Amino acid sequence: MASQQQQVALKIAFNGDIHRTRVDLRGFSLSELTQLMAQTFCLPVGDFVVQYRDPEGDCVNVTTDAEFHEAVRVFLSSQEPVQSLKFSAATRRQAEFQEQVADPLVKSVEHLMQSLAVTLEQLKRDANFTSSAAPNTSIALDQAARDNADSPKTAAGGFSSFAQGLVGQINRFIPEKKAGEATVAPVAVLVSAPEPELKPEVQEPSAVTPPPAPVLEAPPAQETEETPSIATPVAFSEAEVKWAEQLSVVTGIFPNANPARVIDILEKSDGNLNVVLNVLTEET
C-alpha cells in the first residue's frame, strides 16, 4: 500500500503546454524535476522557477528540496484524493510579472465581481429601473441577480450575459426605427413630385418637358441610403461567449492582443488568467 502511495502521476506545465508522466516519490527530488522540465520544454536550467498552486489558490515558488517536499506533503495531505501532482515552470520575467501584476489584478477582479453582484441586487430592487422602456430586461436582471449570488465568477458570467442581451435588444430596436424613418421619406418625395409635372401640362406650347425627368431619380437615391441604415447584429462565437469575462480582463491589459490567440491559451490552460498573462508577456 505504501509503495502504491509513492507511485504517483506527475504533470508538468509551461505556458499552457502540459505533459504527464509517473514518478516514484521515494527517489524524486527538486533537481530531477527541474531537469525534467528543462528537457521537456527546452528551457535552460536556472532561467525558470518551479511553481505549484496550493489549496488556498496561491501560486507558490519551489526553490529548495525542503520546499519541494512540503509541496508534495500538501498534495498528499489533501482531503480529496489526489490523482496527480502538478508543477509549472515560469520564467523569471513571468514570475516577477505574476507577483507584481497578475496576482493583484486577479484579486482586484474578484473584488469587482463581488461589487457587481451587490450592484445587480440593488438594481433589481430599484422600481425606476424595472419600469424602463425594455420590459424584458427586468426579468433578465432578476434571473441574473439570483444566479450571481453564489460566487464572483458566476456573477461576472451572469452580468456579461445580461449585458449582451440588453445590447441585442437595443440593436434590434434601432434598425426598426430607422426602417420606419426610411419609409416616411419616400412618401414626402412622391407628394412633392407631381408639382413640376403640372407645369408642362398647362404650358403645352413650350415643348420643354424633359426637365421634370430628373425628379424621378430621387427615389432610387433615397433607396440606396436605406440599406446602410439597417445595422446587422454582431454575432459572437461560442468561444467568445464562453471566455467573455477573461477576454475583457486580458484586453484591458493588452489592447492589441489577438482574441483567437487568447482563446487558444485559455482553452489549453482551462481558463487560467495567470498563464494567459504570462504567455502574452513573453510574446510582447
C-alpha atoms as a PDB file:
ATOM      1  CA  MET A   1       0.000   0.000   0.000  1.00  0.00           C
ATOM      2  CA  ALA A   2       2.879   2.344   0.854  1.00  0.00           C
ATOM      3  CA  SER A   3       4.554   1.661  -2.495  1.00  0.00           C
ATOM      4  CA  GLN A   4       1.334   2.491  -4.316  1.00  0.00           C
ATOM      5  CA  GLN A   5       1.155   5.819  -2.497  1.00  0.00           C
ATOM      6  CA  GLN A   6       4.722   6.663  -3.581  1.00  0.00           C
ATOM      7  CA  GLN A   7       3.989   5.937  -7.245  1.00  0.00           C
ATOM      8  CA  VAL A   8       2.068   8.996  -8.400  1.00  0.00           C
ATOM      9  CA  ALA A   9       1.225  10.698 -11.670  1.00  0.00           C
ATOM     10  CA  LEU A  10       3.169  13.902 -12.278  1.00  0.00           C
ATOM     11  CA  LYS A  11       2.026  16.776 -14.507  1.00  0.00           C
ATOM     12  CA  ILE A  12       4.450  19.454 -15.662  1.00  0.00           C
ATOM     13  CA  ALA A  13       3.249  22.579 -17.472  1.00  0.00           C
ATOM     14  CA  PHE A  14       4.706  25.614 -19.223  1.00  0.00           C
ATOM     15  CA  ASN A  15       2.657  28.314 -20.989  1.00  0.00           C
ATOM     16  CA  GLY A  16      -0.365  26.038 -21.274  1.00  0.00           C
ATOM     17  CA  ASP A  17       1.647  23.051 -22.574  1.00  0.00           C
ATOM     18  CA  ILE A  18       1.055  20.127 -20.181  1.00  0.00           C
ATOM     19  CA  HIS A  19       2.860  16.763 -20.055  1.00  0.00           C
ATOM     20  CA  ARG A  20       2.061  13.789 -17.824  1.00  0.00           C
ATOM     21  CA  THR A  21       4.359  11.071 -16.505  1.00  0.00           C
ATOM     22  CA  ARG A  22       4.652   8.768 -13.462  1.00  0.00           C
ATOM     23  CA  VAL A  23       7.403   9.014 -10.851  1.00  0.00           C
ATOM     24  CA  ASP A  24       8.440   7.343  -7.607  1.00  0.00           C
ATOM     25  CA  LEU A  25       8.446   9.988  -4.878  1.00  0.00           C
ATOM     26  CA  ARG A  26      10.863   7.976  -2.734  1.00  0.00           C
ATOM     27  CA  GLY A  27      13.756   8.900  -5.011  1.00  0.00           C
ATOM     28  CA  PHE A  28      12.435  12.007  -6.724  1.00  0.00           C
ATOM     29  CA  SER A  29      13.924  15.422  -5.921  1.00  0.00           C
ATOM     30  CA  LEU A  30      13.666  19.038  -6.994  1.00  0.00           C
ATOM     31  CA  SER A  31      16.775  18.773  -9.155  1.00  0.00           C
ATOM     32  CA  GLU A  32      15.272  15.844 -11.084  1.00  0.00           C
ATOM     33  CA  LEU A  33      12.038  17.775 -11.516  1.00  0.00           C
ATOM     34  CA  THR A  34      13.989  20.784 -12.793  1.00  0.00           C
ATOM     35  CA  GLN A  35      15.939  18.636 -15.266  1.00  0.00           C
ATOM     36  CA  LEU A  36      12.716  17.015 -16.478  1.00  0.00           C
ATOM     37  CA  MET A  37      11.153  20.424 -17.129  1.00  0.00           C
ATOM     38  CA  ALA A  38      14.278  21.738 -18.856  1.00  0.00           C
ATOM     39  CA  GLN A  39      14.408  18.742 -21.218  1.00  0.00           C
ATOM     40  CA  THR A  40      10.661  18.677 -21.910  1.00  0.00           C
ATOM     41  CA  PHE A  41      10.232  22.392 -22.621  1.00  0.00           C
ATOM     42  CA  CYS A  42      13.766  23.130 -23.928  1.00  0.00           C
ATOM     43  CA  LEU A  43      14.435  25.662 -21.166  1.00  0.00           C
ATOM     44  CA  PRO A  44      17.897  26.500 -19.814  1.00  0.00           C
ATOM     45  CA  VAL A  45      18.315  25.407 -16.203  1.00  0.00           C
ATOM     46  CA  GLY A  46      18.312  28.485 -13.990  1.00  0.00           C
ATOM     47  CA  ASP A  47      16.156  30.570 -16.328  1.00  0.00           C
ATOM     48  CA  PHE A  48      12.862  29.387 -14.850  1.00  0.00           C
ATOM     49  CA  VAL A  49      11.206  28.847 -11.477  1.00  0.00           C
ATOM     50  CA  VAL A  50       9.227  25.773 -10.414  1.00  0.00           C
ATOM     51  CA  GLN A  51       5.781  26.648  -9.061  1.00  0.00           C
ATOM     52  CA  TYR A  52       2.635  24.949  -7.777  1.00  0.00           C
ATOM     53  CA  ARG A  53      -0.783  26.132  -6.634  1.00  0.00           C
ATOM     54  CA  ASP A  54      -1.744  25.320  -3.041  1.00  0.00           C
ATOM     55  CA  PRO A  55      -5.297  24.607  -1.779  1.00  0.00           C
ATOM     56  CA  GLU A  56      -5.714  28.294  -0.870  1.00  0.00           C
ATOM     57  CA  GLY A  57      -5.222  29.227  -4.522  1.00  0.00           C
ATOM     58  CA  ASP A  58      -1.815  30.874  -4.072  1.00  0.00           C
ATOM     59  CA  CYS A  59       0.966  30.300  -6.600  1.00  0.00           C
ATOM     60  CA  VAL A  60       3.996  29.118  -4.558  1.00  0.00           C
ATOM     61  CA  ASN A  61       7.609  29.035  -5.770  1.00  0.00           C
ATOM     62  CA  VAL A  62       9.730  25.920  -5.162  1.00  0.00           C
ATOM     63  CA  THR A  63      13.446  26.710  -4.920  1.00  0.00           C
ATOM     64  CA  THR A  64      14.772  24.184  -2.351  1.00  0.00           C
ATOM     65  CA  ASP A  65      14.344  20.485  -1.598  1.00  0.00           C
ATOM     66  CA  ALA A  66      12.574  21.390   1.638  1.00  0.00           C
ATOM     67  CA  GLU A  67      10.011  23.435  -0.291  1.00  0.00           C
ATOM     68  CA  PHE A  68       9.611  20.572  -2.769  1.00  0.00           C
ATOM     69  CA  HIS A  69       8.928  18.022  -0.025  1.00  0.00           C
ATOM     70  CA  GLU A  70       6.484  20.460   1.585  1.00  0.00           C
ATOM     71  CA  ALA A  71       4.687  20.797  -1.749  1.00  0.00           C
ATOM     72  CA  VAL A  72       4.434  17.003  -2.030  1.00  0.00           C
ATOM     73  CA  ARG A  73       3.126  16.819   1.545  1.00  0.00           C
ATOM     74  CA  VAL A  74       0.477  19.448   0.750  1.00  0.00           C
ATOM     75  CA  PHE A  75      -0.656  17.472  -2.292  1.00  0.00           C
ATOM     76  CA  LEU A  76      -0.803  14.124  -0.490  1.00  0.00           C
ATOM     77  CA  SER A  77      -2.492  15.511   2.638  1.00  0.00           C
ATOM     78  CA  SER A  78      -5.384  16.965   0.663  1.00  0.00           C
ATOM     79  CA  GLN A  79      -8.853  15.976   1.865  1.00  0.00           C
ATOM     80  CA  GLU A  80      -9.820  14.905  -1.637  1.00  0.00           C
ATOM     81  CA  PRO A  81      -7.941  12.005  -3.255  1.00  0.00           C
ATOM     82  CA  VAL A  82      -5.045  13.304  -5.344  1.00  0.00           C
ATOM     83  CA  GLN A  83      -4.979  11.992  -8.915  1.00  0.00           C
ATOM     84  CA  SER A  84      -1.691  13.679  -9.833  1.00  0.00           C
ATOM     85  CA  LEU A  85       0.892  16.222  -8.712  1.00  0.00           C
ATOM     86  CA  LYS A  86       1.154  19.302 -10.897  1.00  0.00           C
ATOM     87  CA  PHE A  87       4.114  21.678 -11.115  1.00  0.00           C
ATOM     88  CA  SER A  88       4.550  24.556 -13.541  1.00  0.00           C
ATOM     89  CA  ALA A  89       7.624  26.239 -14.971  1.00  0.00           C
ATOM     90  CA  ALA A  90       7.641  30.035 -15.122  1.00  0.00           C
ATOM     91  CA  THR A  91      10.434  32.211 -16.459  1.00  0.00           C
ATOM     92  CA  ARG A  92      11.979  34.781 -14.131  1.00  0.00           C
ATOM     93  CA  ARG A  93      10.200  37.532 -16.002  1.00  0.00           C
ATOM     94  CA  GLN A  94       6.882  35.714 -15.752  1.00  0.00           C
ATOM     95  CA  ALA A  95       7.353  35.160 -12.021  1.00  0.00           C
ATOM     96  CA  GLU A  96       8.038  38.858 -11.439  1.00  0.00           C
ATOM     97  CA  PHE A  97       5.073  39.854 -13.597  1.00  0.00           C
ATOM     98  CA  GLN A  98       2.803  37.429 -11.783  1.00  0.00           C
ATOM     99  CA  GLU A  99       3.890  38.685  -8.362  1.00  0.00           C
ATOM    100  CA  GLN A 100       3.670  42.390  -9.196  1.00  0.00           C
ATOM    101  CA  VAL A 101       0.779  42.485 -11.703  1.00  0.00           C
ATOM    102  CA  ALA A 102      -1.153  39.249 -12.260  1.00  0.00           C
ATOM    103  CA  ASP A 103      -1.918  38.282  -8.657  1.00  0.00           C
ATOM    104  CA  PRO A 104      -3.028  41.801  -7.599  1.00  0.00           C
ATOM    105  CA  LEU A 105      -5.091  42.027 -10.789  1.00  0.00           C
ATOM    106  CA  VAL A 106      -6.887  38.743 -10.113  1.00  0.00           C
ATOM    107  CA  LYS A 107      -7.713  39.881  -6.591  1.00  0.00           C
ATOM    108  CA  SER A 108      -9.000  43.184  -7.960  1.00  0.00           C
ATOM    109  CA  VAL A 109     -11.191  41.339 -10.470  1.00  0.00           C
ATOM    110  CA  GLU A 110     -12.610  39.141  -7.704  1.00  0.00           C
ATOM    111  CA  HIS A 111     -13.409  42.247  -5.668  1.00  0.00           C
ATOM    112  CA  LEU A 112     -15.001  43.820  -8.742  1.00  0.00           C
ATOM    113  CA  MET A 113     -17.180  40.766  -9.317  1.00  0.00           C
ATOM    114  CA  GLN A 114     -18.388  40.936  -5.716  1.00  0.00           C
ATOM    115  CA  SER A 115     -19.240  44.597  -6.203  1.00  0.00           C
ATOM    116  CA  LEU A 116     -21.112  43.752  -9.407  1.00  0.00           C
ATOM    117  CA  ALA A 117     -23.186  41.152  -7.571  1.00  0.00           C
ATOM    118  CA  VAL A 118     -24.161  43.744  -4.945  1.00  0.00           C
ATOM    119  CA  THR A 119     -24.934  46.318  -7.647  1.00  0.00           C
ATOM    120  CA  LEU A 120     -27.150  43.874  -9.518  1.00  0.00           C
ATOM    121  CA  GLU A 121     -29.091  43.170  -6.349  1.00  0.00           C
ATOM    122  CA  GLN A 122     -29.610  46.886  -5.788  1.00  0.00           C
ATOM    123  CA  LEU A 123     -30.717  47.438  -9.376  1.00  0.00           C
ATOM    124  CA  LYS A 124     -33.201  44.609  -9.070  1.00  0.00           C
ATOM    125  CA  ARG A 125     -34.870  46.407  -6.168  1.00  0.00           C
ATOM    126  CA  ASP A 126     -34.943  49.741  -7.947  1.00  0.00           C
ATOM    127  CA  ALA A 127     -38.510  50.419  -9.096  1.00  0.00           C
ATOM    128  CA  ASN A 128     -37.389  53.004 -11.640  1.00  0.00           C
ATOM    129  CA  PHE A 129     -35.090  50.509 -13.306  1.00  0.00           C
ATOM    130  CA  THR A 130     -37.786  47.842 -13.630  1.00  0.00           C
ATOM    131  CA  SER A 131     -40.152  50.376 -15.267  1.00  0.00           C
ATOM    132  CA  SER A 132     -37.708  51.184 -18.100  1.00  0.00           C
ATOM    133  CA  ALA A 133     -38.526  51.022 -21.838  1.00  0.00           C
ATOM    134  CA  ALA A 134     -37.325  47.434 -22.177  1.00  0.00           C
ATOM    135  CA  PRO A 135     -39.691  45.246 -20.092  1.00  0.00           C
ATOM    136  CA  ASN A 136     -37.739  42.046 -20.661  1.00  0.00           C
ATOM    137  CA  THR A 137     -34.596  43.436 -19.039  1.00  0.00           C
ATOM    138  CA  SER A 138     -36.162  43.346 -15.570  1.00  0.00           C
ATOM    139  CA  ILE A 139     -36.777  39.609 -15.943  1.00  0.00           C
ATOM    140  CA  ALA A 140     -33.237  39.002 -17.172  1.00  0.00           C
ATOM    141  CA  LEU A 141     -31.826  41.138 -14.350  1.00  0.00           C
ATOM    142  CA  ASP A 142     -33.828  39.275 -11.700  1.00  0.00           C
ATOM    143  CA  GLN A 143     -32.603  35.939 -13.011  1.00  0.00           C
ATOM    144  CA  ALA A 144     -29.007  37.191 -13.258  1.00  0.00           C
ATOM    145  CA  ALA A 145     -29.062  38.509  -9.690  1.00  0.00           C
ATOM    146  CA  ARG A 146     -30.247  35.143  -8.335  1.00  0.00           C
ATOM    147  CA  ASP A 147     -27.705  33.179 -10.337  1.00  0.00           C
ATOM    148  CA  ASN A 148     -24.843  35.503  -9.474  1.00  0.00           C
ATOM    149  CA  ALA A 149     -25.195  35.491  -5.695  1.00  0.00           C
ATOM    150  CA  ASP A 150     -23.077  32.339  -5.282  1.00  0.00           C
ATOM    151  CA  SER A 151     -19.605  33.469  -6.351  1.00  0.00           C
ATOM    152  CA  PRO A 152     -17.774  36.325  -8.101  1.00  0.00           C
ATOM    153  CA  LYS A 153     -17.090  34.140 -11.125  1.00  0.00           C
ATOM    154  CA  THR A 154     -20.761  33.293 -11.724  1.00  0.00           C
ATOM    155  CA  ALA A 155     -21.658  36.907 -11.040  1.00  0.00           C
ATOM    156  CA  ALA A 156     -19.396  38.020 -13.866  1.00  0.00           C
ATOM    157  CA  GLY A 157     -20.849  35.431 -16.226  1.00  0.00           C
ATOM    158  CA  GLY A 158     -24.414  36.461 -15.469  1.00  0.00           C
ATOM    159  CA  PHE A 159     -23.603  40.136 -15.775  1.00  0.00           C
ATOM    160  CA  SER A 160     -21.961  39.546 -19.169  1.00  0.00           C
ATOM    161  CA  SER A 161     -24.999  37.581 -20.371  1.00  0.00           C
ATOM    162  CA  PHE A 162     -27.358  40.294 -19.183  1.00  0.00           C
ATOM    163  CA  ALA A 163     -25.265  42.997 -20.878  1.00  0.00           C
ATOM    164  CA  GLN A 164     -25.136  41.062 -24.151  1.00  0.00           C
ATOM    165  CA  GLY A 165     -28.884  40.516 -24.035  1.00  0.00           C
ATOM    166  CA  LEU A 166     -29.506  44.205 -23.437  1.00  0.00           C
ATOM    167  CA  VAL A 167     -27.225  45.176 -26.324  1.00  0.00           C
ATOM    168  CA  GLY A 168     -29.019  42.684 -28.536  1.00  0.00           C
ATOM    169  CA  GLN A 169     -32.384  44.257 -27.709  1.00  0.00           C
ATOM    170  CA  ILE A 170     -31.036  47.726 -28.478  1.00  0.00           C
ATOM    171  CA  ASN A 171     -29.560  46.540 -31.793  1.00  0.00           C
ATOM    172  CA  ARG A 172     -32.904  45.021 -32.787  1.00  0.00           C
ATOM    173  CA  PHE A 173     -34.776  48.189 -31.808  1.00  0.00           C
ATOM    174  CA  ILE A 174     -32.583  50.679 -33.704  1.00  0.00           C
ATOM    175  CA  PRO A 175     -32.965  49.086 -37.201  1.00  0.00           C
ATOM    176  CA  GLU A 176     -36.764  49.092 -36.832  1.00  0.00           C
ATOM    177  CA  LYS A 177     -36.727  52.797 -36.015  1.00  0.00           C
ATOM    178  CA  LYS A 178     -34.522  53.629 -38.968  1.00  0.00           C
ATOM    179  CA  ALA A 179     -36.592  51.499 -41.300  1.00  0.00           C
ATOM    180  CA  GLY A 180     -39.681  53.432 -40.194  1.00  0.00           C
ATOM    181  CA  GLU A 181     -37.989  56.723 -40.921  1.00  0.00           C
ATOM    182  CA  ALA A 182     -36.905  55.443 -44.336  1.00  0.00           C
ATOM    183  CA  THR A 183     -40.444  54.538 -45.309  1.00  0.00           C
ATOM    184  CA  VAL A 184     -41.685  58.033 -44.461  1.00  0.00           C
ATOM    185  CA  ALA A 185     -39.020  59.792 -46.525  1.00  0.00           C
ATOM    186  CA  PRO A 186     -40.057  58.431 -49.971  1.00  0.00           C
ATOM    187  CA  VAL A 187     -43.675  59.461 -49.296  1.00  0.00           C
ATOM    188  CA  ALA A 188     -42.592  63.078 -48.921  1.00  0.00           C
ATOM    189  CA  VAL A 189     -40.762  62.881 -52.244  1.00  0.00           C
ATOM    190  CA  LEU A 190     -43.717  61.336 -54.051  1.00  0.00           C
ATOM    191  CA  VAL A 191     -46.099  64.052 -52.803  1.00  0.00           C
ATOM    192  CA  SER A 192     -43.860  66.866 -53.975  1.00  0.00           C
ATOM    193  CA  ALA A 193     -43.102  65.203 -57.314  1.00  0.00           C
ATOM    194  CA  PRO A 194     -46.441  65.996 -59.093  1.00  0.00           C
ATOM    195  CA  GLU A 195     -45.917  69.773 -58.751  1.00  0.00           C
ATOM    196  CA  PRO A 196     -43.297  70.065 -61.536  1.00  0.00           C
ATOM    197  CA  GLU A 197     -45.385  67.718 -63.731  1.00  0.00           C
ATOM    198  CA  LEU A 198     -48.391  70.133 -63.688  1.00  0.00           C
ATOM    199  CA  LYS A 199     -46.434  72.957 -65.333  1.00  0.00           C
ATOM    200  CA  PRO A 200     -45.742  71.098 -68.634  1.00  0.00           C
ATOM    201  CA  GLU A 201     -49.459  70.233 -68.944  1.00  0.00           C
ATOM    202  CA  VAL A 202     -50.517  73.951 -68.620  1.00  0.00           C
ATOM    203  CA  GLN A 203     -47.794  75.299 -70.902  1.00  0.00           C
ATOM    204  CA  GLU A 204     -48.199  72.973 -73.862  1.00  0.00           C
ATOM    205  CA  PRO A 205     -46.685  75.425 -76.407  1.00  0.00           C
ATOM    206  CA  SER A 206     -43.384  75.301 -74.603  1.00  0.00           C
ATOM    207  CA  ALA A 207     -42.059  71.892 -75.550  1.00  0.00           C
ATOM    208  CA  VAL A 208     -39.576  71.857 -72.718  1.00  0.00           C
ATOM    209  CA  THR A 209     -40.849  68.700 -70.948  1.00  0.00           C
ATOM    210  CA  PRO A 210     -37.562  66.847 -70.206  1.00  0.00           C
ATOM    211  CA  PRO A 211     -36.598  68.874 -67.054  1.00  0.00           C
ATOM    212  CA  PRO A 212     -39.066  67.081 -64.736  1.00  0.00           C
ATOM    213  CA  ALA A 213     -37.468  63.745 -65.651  1.00  0.00           C
ATOM    214  CA  PRO A 214     -34.527  64.056 -63.186  1.00  0.00           C
ATOM    215  CA  VAL A 215     -37.038  64.215 -60.321  1.00  0.00           C
ATOM    216  CA  LEU A 216     -37.756  60.501 -60.860  1.00  0.00           C
ATOM    217  CA  GLU A 217     -34.132  59.658 -59.983  1.00  0.00           C
ATOM    218  CA  ALA A 218     -34.579  60.902 -56.412  1.00  0.00           C
ATOM    219  CA  PRO A 219     -36.355  57.777 -55.049  1.00  0.00           C
ATOM    220  CA  PRO A 220     -33.537  55.377 -56.119  1.00  0.00           C
ATOM    221  CA  ALA A 221     -31.038  57.664 -54.386  1.00  0.00           C
ATOM    222  CA  GLN A 222     -33.201  57.562 -51.286  1.00  0.00           C
ATOM    223  CA  GLU A 223     -33.456  53.776 -51.528  1.00  0.00           C
ATOM    224  CA  THR A 224     -29.695  53.411 -51.626  1.00  0.00           C
ATOM    225  CA  GLU A 225     -29.490  55.307 -48.368  1.00  0.00           C
ATOM    226  CA  GLU A 226     -31.834  52.843 -46.710  1.00  0.00           C
ATOM    227  CA  THR A 227     -29.569  49.832 -46.995  1.00  0.00           C
ATOM    228  CA  PRO A 228     -26.624  51.092 -44.913  1.00  0.00           C
ATOM    229  CA  SER A 229     -29.000  52.376 -42.229  1.00  0.00           C
ATOM    230  CA  ILE A 230     -30.070  48.835 -41.320  1.00  0.00           C
ATOM    231  CA  ALA A 231     -27.466  47.587 -38.854  1.00  0.00           C
ATOM    232  CA  THR A 232     -26.867  43.861 -38.586  1.00  0.00           C
ATOM    233  CA  PRO A 233     -26.436  42.498 -35.046  1.00  0.00           C
ATOM    234  CA  VAL A 234     -22.902  41.482 -34.071  1.00  0.00           C
ATOM    235  CA  ALA A 235     -22.526  37.706 -33.813  1.00  0.00           C
ATOM    236  CA  PHE A 236     -20.255  36.218 -31.150  1.00  0.00           C
ATOM    237  CA  SER A 237     -18.724  32.782 -31.406  1.00  0.00           C
ATOM    238  CA  GLU A 238     -19.315  30.183 -28.713  1.00  0.00           C
ATOM    239  CA  ALA A 239     -15.698  30.543 -27.556  1.00  0.00           C
ATOM    240  CA  GLU A 240     -16.016  34.334 -27.241  1.00  0.00           C
ATOM    241  CA  VAL A 241     -19.156  33.957 -25.135  1.00  0.00           C
ATOM    242  CA  LYS A 242     -17.545  31.217 -23.032  1.00  0.00           C
ATOM    243  CA  TRP A 243     -14.432  33.282 -22.237  1.00  0.00           C
ATOM    244  CA  ALA A 244     -16.098  36.734 -22.272  1.00  0.00           C
ATOM    245  CA  GLU A 245     -15.010  37.558 -18.726  1.00  0.00           C
ATOM    246  CA  GLN A 246     -11.374  36.535 -19.283  1.00  0.00           C
ATOM    247  CA  LEU A 247     -11.202  38.298 -22.677  1.00  0.00           C
ATOM    248  CA  SER A 248     -12.418  41.509 -21.063  1.00  0.00           C
ATOM    249  CA  VAL A 249      -9.650  41.362 -18.442  1.00  0.00           C
ATOM    250  CA  VAL A 250      -6.903  40.474 -20.936  1.00  0.00           C
ATOM    251  CA  THR A 251      -7.853  43.157 -23.483  1.00  0.00           C
ATOM    252  CA  GLY A 252      -7.847  45.701 -20.684  1.00  0.00           C
ATOM    253  CA  ILE A 253      -4.134  44.944 -20.135  1.00  0.00           C
ATOM    254  CA  PHE A 254      -3.124  44.030 -23.696  1.00  0.00           C
ATOM    255  CA  PRO A 255      -5.427  46.039 -26.029  1.00  0.00           C
ATOM    256  CA  ASN A 256      -3.724  44.678 -29.164  1.00  0.00           C
ATOM    257  CA  ALA A 257      -3.949  41.019 -28.143  1.00  0.00           C
ATOM    258  CA  ASN A 258      -5.428  38.688 -30.768  1.00  0.00           C
ATOM    259  CA  PRO A 259      -8.716  37.278 -29.370  1.00  0.00           C
ATOM    260  CA  ALA A 260      -8.187  33.983 -31.189  1.00  0.00           C
ATOM    261  CA  ARG A 261      -4.743  33.620 -29.610  1.00  0.00           C
ATOM    262  CA  VAL A 262      -6.108  34.481 -26.158  1.00  0.00           C
ATOM    263  CA  ILE A 263      -8.953  31.963 -26.505  1.00  0.00           C
ATOM    264  CA  ASP A 264      -6.489  29.265 -27.606  1.00  0.00           C
ATOM    265  CA  ILE A 265      -4.374  29.823 -24.470  1.00  0.00           C
ATOM    266  CA  LEU A 266      -7.486  29.869 -22.272  1.00  0.00           C
ATOM    267  CA  GLU A 267      -8.650  26.551 -23.712  1.00  0.00           C
ATOM    268  CA  LYS A 268      -5.247  24.938 -23.105  1.00  0.00           C
ATOM    269  CA  SER A 269      -4.885  26.329 -19.563  1.00  0.00           C
ATOM    270  CA  ASP A 270      -8.520  25.704 -18.546  1.00  0.00           C
ATOM    271  CA  GLY A 271      -9.207  29.430 -18.142  1.00  0.00           C
ATOM    272  CA  ASN A 272      -6.120  30.272 -16.039  1.00  0.00           C
ATOM    273  CA  LEU A 273      -5.610  34.043 -16.368  1.00  0.00           C
ATOM    274  CA  ASN A 274      -2.091  33.845 -14.947  1.00  0.00           C
ATOM    275  CA  VAL A 275      -0.988  31.551 -17.769  1.00  0.00           C
ATOM    276  CA  VAL A 276      -2.520  33.852 -20.402  1.00  0.00           C
ATOM    277  CA  LEU A 277      -0.856  36.944 -18.953  1.00  0.00           C
ATOM    278  CA  ASN A 278       2.483  35.142 -18.692  1.00  0.00           C
ATOM    279  CA  VAL A 279       2.346  33.963 -22.319  1.00  0.00           C
ATOM    280  CA  LEU A 280       1.370  37.384 -23.664  1.00  0.00           C
ATOM    281  CA  THR A 281       4.120  38.993 -21.585  1.00  0.00           C
ATOM    282  CA  GLU A 282       6.694  36.703 -23.189  1.00  0.00           C
ATOM    283  CA  GLU A 283       5.358  37.388 -26.686  1.00  0.00           C
ATOM    284  CA  THR A 284       5.360  41.188 -26.348  1.00  0.00           C
END
